[in-house]
Amino acid sequence: MTYSPVMTETVVCWVLVHMIKGTARRGGDHTDKLREQIDGSTGRKHLLRGS
């Protein structure tokens, strides 16, 4: 089966976007864990305090 260049480009872009989104999500998770260890606040309570 042969793929057109447009289809190949679309698939590559889709994969890259989803990989970047997943990496950013995990980075945010790690940042939340670090913040929780530093200030002891869990969940979204820190947003209510304004910090």
Protein backbone atom coordinates (compact mmCIF):
# COMPACT_ATOMS: atom_id res chain seq x y z
CA MET A 1 0.00 0.00 0.00
CA THR A 2 1.35 3.44 -0.89
CA TYR A 3 0.59 6.61 0.98
CA SER A 4 0.36 10.07 -0.48
CA PRO A 5 2.75 12.71 0.87
CA VAL A 6 -0.20 14.71 2.22
CA MET A 7 -1.53 11.71 4.14
CA THR A 8 1.93 10.92 5.52
CA GLU A 9 2.42 14.55 6.61
CA THR A 10 -0.99 14.58 8.29
CA VAL A 11 -0.24 11.39 10.22
CA VAL A 12 3.18 12.66 11.32
CA CYS A 13 1.66 15.96 12.50
CA TRP A 14 -1.07 14.12 14.41
CA VAL A 15 1.48 11.89 16.15
CA LEU A 16 3.73 14.83 17.06
CA VAL A 17 0.86 16.91 18.44
CA HIS A 18 -0.35 14.05 20.63
CA MET A 19 3.17 13.27 21.85
CA ILE A 20 3.70 16.92 22.78
CA LYS A 21 0.33 17.07 24.56
CA GLY A 22 1.12 13.91 26.53
CA THR A 23 4.55 15.20 27.51
CA ALA A 24 3.10 18.54 28.63
CA ARG A 25 0.41 16.79 30.67
CA ARG A 26 2.96 14.61 32.44
CA GLY A 27 5.17 17.64 33.04
CA GLY A 28 2.21 19.38 34.67
CA ASP A 29 1.57 16.32 36.83
CA HIS A 30 5.18 16.34 38.01
CA THR A 31 5.00 20.07 38.71
CA ASP A 32 1.86 19.53 40.82
CA LYS A 33 3.61 16.81 42.83
CA LEU A 34 6.58 19.10 43.49
CA ARG A 35 4.28 21.95 44.55
CA GLU A 36 2.36 19.62 46.85
CA GLN A 37 5.61 18.52 48.48
CA ILE A 38 6.73 22.13 48.94
CA ASP A 39 3.56 23.74 50.30
CA GLY A 40 1.52 20.72 51.40
CA SER A 41 -1.55 21.81 49.42
CA THR A 42 -3.26 19.10 47.36
CA GLY A 43 -5.73 19.23 44.51
CA ARG A 44 -7.00 22.65 43.51
CA LYS A 45 -7.12 24.18 47.00
CA HIS A 46 -4.04 26.27 46.19
CA LEU A 47 -6.06 28.06 43.50
CA LEU A 48 -8.61 29.21 46.06
CA ARG A 49 -5.88 30.74 48.22
CA GLY A 50 -4.66 32.82 45.32
CA SER A 51 -1.10 31.48 45.39
